Amino acid sequence: MFEKDGELDAEKIGDMLRCKGYKLTVQRKAVIEVFLENMDRHLSPEEVYEHVKDIYPDIGLATVYRTLQLFEKLGVLYRLNFDDGCSRYELINDKDGRHHHHHLICLDCGKVMEVKLDLLDNLENEIETEGKFTIVDHNLKFFGYCSDCKSKSH
């Protein structure tokens, strides 16, 4: 969604914010930089805060929460719930701004891995056609044991 030559870019996100009447403040840019540097992770607000403090030591946790909520509202971030009582966030980088991948969640260590394939495209199309229902997103989670935890138990 915010790509420049195939790469996510903080300035492009800043341009989008300005188009919607928001400024790309130092704090907001620091939050975006954390997500750009941690593309393979699903970060909790507290984890974002710990990373942002290294870039911008004066930031407060409340500012991080407000920034995450704003970026979610504007379609920059996607909020995830892995049924563990903690929200996590990741950048939306699909061209259409939709979130289309699934997650594998280890019941032992809590590690979250992404399944890059979208296994539900055909099912979505069928539901929309047959059910006369417009789907805007879906979320699929698989719970089990990662290879590390599985090998520890045997």
C-alpha atoms as a PDB file:
ATOM      1  CA  MET A   1       0.000   0.000   0.000  1.00  0.00           C
ATOM      2  CA  PHE A   2       2.824   2.391   0.871  1.00  0.00           C
ATOM      3  CA  GLU A   3       5.441   1.121  -1.514  1.00  0.00           C
ATOM      4  CA  LYS A   4       8.080   2.990  -3.421  1.00  0.00           C
ATOM      5  CA  ASP A   5       9.815   0.755  -5.968  1.00  0.00           C
ATOM      6  CA  GLY A   6       8.476  -2.318  -4.200  1.00  0.00           C
ATOM      7  CA  GLU A   7       9.576  -1.198  -0.734  1.00  0.00           C
ATOM      8  CA  LEU A   8       7.552   0.269   2.099  1.00  0.00           C
ATOM      9  CA  ASP A   9       8.453   3.878   2.707  1.00  0.00           C
ATOM     10  CA  ALA A  10       7.853   6.212   5.688  1.00  0.00           C
ATOM     11  CA  GLU A  11       7.650   9.294   3.471  1.00  0.00           C
ATOM     12  CA  LYS A  12       4.851   7.801   1.402  1.00  0.00           C
ATOM     13  CA  ILE A  13       2.970   7.079   4.630  1.00  0.00           C
ATOM     14  CA  GLY A  14       3.659  10.700   5.623  1.00  0.00           C
ATOM     15  CA  ASP A  15       2.197  11.913   2.323  1.00  0.00           C
ATOM     16  CA  MET A  16      -0.939   9.855   2.957  1.00  0.00           C
ATOM     17  CA  LEU A  17      -1.261  11.316   6.474  1.00  0.00           C
ATOM     18  CA  ARG A  18      -0.934  14.864   5.142  1.00  0.00           C
ATOM     19  CA  CYS A  19      -3.600  14.167   2.492  1.00  0.00           C
ATOM     20  CA  LYS A  20      -5.952  13.189   5.304  1.00  0.00           C
ATOM     21  CA  GLY A  21      -5.164  16.276   7.367  1.00  0.00           C
ATOM     22  CA  TYR A  22      -2.566  14.823   9.755  1.00  0.00           C
ATOM     23  CA  LYS A  23       1.093  15.713  10.244  1.00  0.00           C
ATOM     24  CA  LEU A  24       3.938  13.230  10.184  1.00  0.00           C
ATOM     25  CA  THR A  25       5.279  14.149  13.610  1.00  0.00           C
ATOM     26  CA  VAL A  26       8.598  12.892  14.926  1.00  0.00           C
ATOM     27  CA  GLN A  27       6.710  10.480  17.178  1.00  0.00           C
ATOM     28  CA  ARG A  28       4.562   9.108  14.339  1.00  0.00           C
ATOM     29  CA  LYS A  29       7.598   8.713  12.108  1.00  0.00           C
ATOM     30  CA  ALA A  30       9.410   6.861  14.904  1.00  0.00           C
ATOM     31  CA  VAL A  31       6.472   4.429  15.229  1.00  0.00           C
ATOM     32  CA  ILE A  32       6.461   3.811  11.472  1.00  0.00           C
ATOM     33  CA  GLU A  33      10.230   3.241  11.496  1.00  0.00           C
ATOM     34  CA  VAL A  34       9.789   0.584  14.200  1.00  0.00           C
ATOM     35  CA  PHE A  35       7.301  -1.281  12.019  1.00  0.00           C
ATOM     36  CA  LEU A  36       9.487  -0.943   8.924  1.00  0.00           C
ATOM     37  CA  GLU A  37      12.426  -2.396  10.867  1.00  0.00           C
ATOM     38  CA  ASN A  38      10.291  -5.239  12.289  1.00  0.00           C
ATOM     39  CA  MET A  39       8.297  -6.310   9.234  1.00  0.00           C
ATOM     40  CA  ASP A  40       8.356  -9.958  10.287  1.00  0.00           C
ATOM     41  CA  ARG A  41       6.955  -9.305  13.769  1.00  0.00           C
ATOM     42  CA  HIS A  42       3.527  -8.645  15.242  1.00  0.00           C
ATOM     43  CA  LEU A  43       4.194  -5.945  17.815  1.00  0.00           C
ATOM     44  CA  SER A  44       2.221  -5.158  20.954  1.00  0.00           C
ATOM     45  CA  PRO A  45       1.869  -1.497  21.985  1.00  0.00           C
ATOM     46  CA  GLU A  46       4.383  -2.098  24.777  1.00  0.00           C
ATOM     47  CA  GLU A  47       6.916  -3.598  22.337  1.00  0.00           C
ATOM     48  CA  VAL A  48       6.437  -0.634  19.993  1.00  0.00           C
ATOM     49  CA  TYR A  49       6.993   1.697  22.950  1.00  0.00           C
ATOM     50  CA  GLU A  50      10.242  -0.066  23.942  1.00  0.00           C
ATOM     51  CA  HIS A  51      11.577   0.260  20.373  1.00  0.00           C
ATOM     52  CA  VAL A  52      10.393   3.862  19.910  1.00  0.00           C
ATOM     53  CA  LYS A  53      12.030   4.956  23.174  1.00  0.00           C
ATOM     54  CA  ASP A  54      15.389   4.099  21.600  1.00  0.00           C
ATOM     55  CA  ILE A  55      14.648   6.446  18.676  1.00  0.00           C
ATOM     56  CA  TYR A  56      12.698   9.126  20.559  1.00  0.00           C
ATOM     57  CA  PRO A  57      13.376   8.903  24.339  1.00  0.00           C
ATOM     58  CA  ASP A  58      10.802  11.561  25.305  1.00  0.00           C
ATOM     59  CA  ILE A  59       7.805   9.638  23.926  1.00  0.00           C
ATOM     60  CA  GLY A  60       5.148   8.373  26.315  1.00  0.00           C
ATOM     61  CA  LEU A  61       3.231   5.108  26.198  1.00  0.00           C
ATOM     62  CA  ALA A  62      -0.069   7.015  25.784  1.00  0.00           C
ATOM     63  CA  THR A  63       1.320   8.682  22.640  1.00  0.00           C
ATOM     64  CA  VAL A  64       2.234   5.272  21.229  1.00  0.00           C
ATOM     65  CA  TYR A  65      -1.308   3.983  21.915  1.00  0.00           C
ATOM     66  CA  ARG A  66      -2.886   7.043  20.254  1.00  0.00           C
ATOM     67  CA  THR A  67      -0.558   6.718  17.258  1.00  0.00           C
ATOM     68  CA  LEU A  68      -1.373   3.024  16.832  1.00  0.00           C
ATOM     69  CA  GLN A  69      -5.114   3.792  16.975  1.00  0.00           C
ATOM     70  CA  LEU A  70      -4.735   6.579  14.401  1.00  0.00           C
ATOM     71  CA  PHE A  71      -2.687   4.396  12.053  1.00  0.00           C
ATOM     72  CA  GLU A  72      -5.252   1.609  12.368  1.00  0.00           C
ATOM     73  CA  LYS A  73      -8.089   4.030  11.593  1.00  0.00           C
ATOM     74  CA  LEU A  74      -6.212   5.357   8.544  1.00  0.00           C
ATOM     75  CA  GLY A  75      -5.410   1.885   7.220  1.00  0.00           C
ATOM     76  CA  VAL A  76      -1.676   2.031   7.859  1.00  0.00           C
ATOM     77  CA  LEU A  77      -1.678  -0.700  10.512  1.00  0.00           C
ATOM     78  CA  TYR A  78      -3.754  -3.809  11.033  1.00  0.00           C
ATOM     79  CA  ARG A  79      -4.666  -4.814  14.595  1.00  0.00           C
ATOM     80  CA  LEU A  80      -4.450  -8.510  15.363  1.00  0.00           C
ATOM     81  CA  ASN A  81      -5.906 -10.507  18.228  1.00  0.00           C
ATOM     82  CA  PHE A  82      -4.375 -13.899  18.933  1.00  0.00           C
ATOM     83  CA  ASP A  83      -6.774 -14.709  21.787  1.00  0.00           C
ATOM     84  CA  ASP A  84      -4.137 -14.045  24.444  1.00  0.00           C
ATOM     85  CA  GLY A  85      -5.549 -10.746  25.742  1.00  0.00           C
ATOM     86  CA  CYS A  86      -2.999  -8.614  23.891  1.00  0.00           C
ATOM     87  CA  SER A  87      -3.522  -6.654  20.690  1.00  0.00           C
ATOM     88  CA  ARG A  88      -0.693  -6.686  18.199  1.00  0.00           C
ATOM     89  CA  TYR A  89      -0.115  -4.631  15.091  1.00  0.00           C
ATOM     90  CA  GLU A  90       1.517  -5.007  11.704  1.00  0.00           C
ATOM     91  CA  LEU A  91       1.867  -2.766   8.661  1.00  0.00           C
ATOM     92  CA  ILE A  92      -0.667  -3.184   5.899  1.00  0.00           C
ATOM     93  CA  ASN A  93       1.385  -3.515   2.758  1.00  0.00           C
ATOM     94  CA  ASP A  94      -1.117  -5.060   0.363  1.00  0.00           C
ATOM     95  CA  LYS A  95      -1.863  -2.939  -2.689  1.00  0.00           C
ATOM     96  CA  ASP A  96      -5.592  -2.774  -1.875  1.00  0.00           C
ATOM     97  CA  GLY A  97      -5.077  -2.128   1.853  1.00  0.00           C
ATOM     98  CA  ARG A  98      -6.600  -5.450   2.860  1.00  0.00           C
ATOM     99  CA  HIS A  99      -5.031  -7.929   5.225  1.00  0.00           C
ATOM    100  CA  HIS A 100      -4.643 -11.283   3.516  1.00  0.00           C
ATOM    101  CA  HIS A 101      -2.521 -13.764   5.321  1.00  0.00           C
ATOM    102  CA  HIS A 102      -3.075 -16.236   8.072  1.00  0.00           C
ATOM    103  CA  HIS A 103      -1.272 -17.049  11.279  1.00  0.00           C
ATOM    104  CA  LEU A 104       0.149 -20.110  12.989  1.00  0.00           C
ATOM    105  CA  ILE A 105       0.172 -19.696  16.771  1.00  0.00           C
ATOM    106  CA  CYS A 106       2.214 -21.989  19.012  1.00  0.00           C
ATOM    107  CA  LEU A 107       0.264 -23.008  22.105  1.00  0.00           C
ATOM    108  CA  ASP A 108       3.485 -23.625  24.035  1.00  0.00           C
ATOM    109  CA  CYS A 109       5.826 -20.674  23.412  1.00  0.00           C
ATOM    110  CA  GLY A 110       3.309 -18.242  21.864  1.00  0.00           C
ATOM    111  CA  LYS A 111       5.354 -17.703  18.695  1.00  0.00           C
ATOM    112  CA  VAL A 112       3.291 -16.351  15.798  1.00  0.00           C
ATOM    113  CA  MET A 113       4.218 -17.219  12.227  1.00  0.00           C
ATOM    114  CA  GLU A 114       2.575 -16.049   9.020  1.00  0.00           C
ATOM    115  CA  VAL A 115       1.158 -18.217   6.274  1.00  0.00           C
ATOM    116  CA  LYS A 116       1.764 -16.125   3.159  1.00  0.00           C
ATOM    117  CA  LEU A 117      -0.736 -18.007   1.001  1.00  0.00           C
ATOM    118  CA  ASP A 118      -4.272 -16.690   1.006  1.00  0.00           C
ATOM    119  CA  LEU A 119      -6.161 -19.912   1.290  1.00  0.00           C
ATOM    120  CA  LEU A 120      -9.608 -18.359   1.247  1.00  0.00           C
ATOM    121  CA  ASP A 121      -9.806 -16.341  -1.999  1.00  0.00           C
ATOM    122  CA  ASN A 122     -11.995 -18.902  -3.771  1.00  0.00           C
ATOM    123  CA  LEU A 123     -14.214 -19.343  -0.716  1.00  0.00           C
ATOM    124  CA  GLU A 124     -14.601 -15.568  -0.383  1.00  0.00           C
ATOM    125  CA  ASN A 125     -15.640 -15.258  -4.034  1.00  0.00           C
ATOM    126  CA  GLU A 126     -18.179 -18.047  -3.650  1.00  0.00           C
ATOM    127  CA  ILE A 127     -19.643 -16.540  -0.461  1.00  0.00           C
ATOM    128  CA  GLU A 128     -19.933 -13.123  -2.092  1.00  0.00           C
ATOM    129  CA  THR A 129     -21.621 -14.563  -5.183  1.00  0.00           C
ATOM    130  CA  GLU A 130     -23.936 -17.079  -3.546  1.00  0.00           C
ATOM    131  CA  GLY A 131     -24.615 -15.224  -0.311  1.00  0.00           C
ATOM    132  CA  LYS A 132     -24.862 -11.747  -1.816  1.00  0.00           C
ATOM    133  CA  PHE A 133     -22.497 -10.623   0.930  1.00  0.00           C
ATOM    134  CA  THR A 134     -19.558  -8.237   0.544  1.00  0.00           C
ATOM    135  CA  ILE A 135     -16.524  -9.410   2.480  1.00  0.00           C
ATOM    136  CA  VAL A 136     -14.039  -6.708   3.469  1.00  0.00           C
ATOM    137  CA  ASP A 137     -11.596  -8.886   5.393  1.00  0.00           C
ATOM    138  CA  HIS A 138     -11.091 -12.267   7.005  1.00  0.00           C
ATOM    139  CA  ASN A 139      -8.864 -13.656   9.703  1.00  0.00           C
ATOM    140  CA  LEU A 140      -7.741 -17.255  10.033  1.00  0.00           C
ATOM    141  CA  LYS A 141      -5.658 -18.590  12.917  1.00  0.00           C
ATOM    142  CA  PHE A 142      -4.208 -22.069  13.274  1.00  0.00           C
ATOM    143  CA  PHE A 143      -3.250 -23.173  16.791  1.00  0.00           C
ATOM    144  CA  GLY A 144      -0.691 -25.917  17.380  1.00  0.00           C
ATOM    145  CA  TYR A 145       2.994 -26.398  18.200  1.00  0.00           C
ATOM    146  CA  CYS A 146       6.004 -24.934  16.411  1.00  0.00           C
ATOM    147  CA  SER A 147       8.879 -27.195  15.412  1.00  0.00           C
ATOM    148  CA  ASP A 148      11.013 -26.058  18.384  1.00  0.00           C
ATOM    149  CA  CYS A 149       8.324 -26.870  20.957  1.00  0.00           C
ATOM    150  CA  LYS A 150       7.357 -30.089  19.212  1.00  0.00           C
ATOM    151  CA  SER A 151      10.971 -31.340  19.270  1.00  0.00           C
ATOM    152  CA  LYS A 152      11.333 -30.406  22.976  1.00  0.00           C
ATOM    153  CA  SER A 153       8.383 -32.599  23.932  1.00  0.00           C
ATOM    154  CA  HIS A 154       9.734 -35.713  22.176  1.00  0.00           C
END
